[in-house]
Amino acid sequence: MIDPGLKDKVVCVTGANNPRGIGAAVARAFAAQGAAVSLHYFVNRLPMAEPDASEQPGETLYRHAQTLTADHLVTDLIEQGVRTIAFESDFLVASDVTEILNRAEDAFGSVDILINNAALSEPDTFKPGTAVEAGSRAANTFPMGGLTTETHDRHFAVNSRAPALLMAEFARRHALQGKQWGRIINVSTDAASGYPDEVSYWASKHALESYSRAAARELAPYGITVNIVSLGPIQTGWIPSGLEAEVAENTPLGRVGTPDDVADVVVFLASTQARWLTGQLLYVGGGHRMSL
């Protein structure tokens, strides 16, 4: 029997309020290994339409999930005997980013594993004639807007600056405490090299990948490994049911990915079995994209 060596480790997971999301699945997977779990989330307080009773996947359901707290997940895990807390923090505010590590340490002791999963994704583009006034969203709609200072800075603040600050603070505390074992896993996308219509999102994820490789080299002497999971289409509530067949057809393994598919890979990267992996980007998408 394989022992991942994660029992009693302290894990910090960002972006964990979507009940169908990757952060929630990752938290449950580590909890199943006996780890203590500290959860970060951010509630989107923009007006959102309520999903219908059928809760069909699509933008309405996905955006609604971003208006929730992580209390539902905390309740579930505590009922299972898992040591867990949740904390809201706005990654647009740089000074708030590392507070999640303070909360985790206060509750459980020093953090062993950092999972940078939280992300901001809103459409923006270089295409002329698509500018939308900032803040002009109707309920539950995210219209295509032109690239602006605001769209650029919001994406980079959440998707690359926040993970970079967390990695730096994680490493600083790790060194001060004289620890020689640590794991950082960062969540990216298999379109990070550049893709239309969400240009700042893809670019900010590409920056995260660069930070990850630099961190892997610099933090290796401290016993910290840093790896990236690059995701293909994962059903976290955003893929409309009518598109699932098309997504499956374009995926060699023949189905849409699930958050549990991702969580299992993340747990592996944190495990003893992945001790000789660092600075690696793993495409987790059923073959949706393959490295050369």
Foldseek 3Di string as FASTA:
>chain_A
DDQQPLAAAEEEFEAQQQCQDLSLLLQVLSVVNNYAYEYEAAADPDAADADDPVLFFALRNVNVSSRGFNVVSVVVSVVVVHHYDYDYFDLLDVVRLQVSQVVSCVRRRHHAEYEQDDFDFAWEFCDPPQADPPPPDDHSDRGYHYDDPVLLSSGLSRLPVSVLVNLVVSLVVLVVVLAQAHEYEYEAAPCLVADGGRGSNSVSRVNNLVSQLVCQVVCVVSNYAGEYEHEDAEPSRHDGPVCQQVLLVLAVQRGGHGSNLVSVVVSNCNGPVVSVDHSYYHYRTNPSDDDD
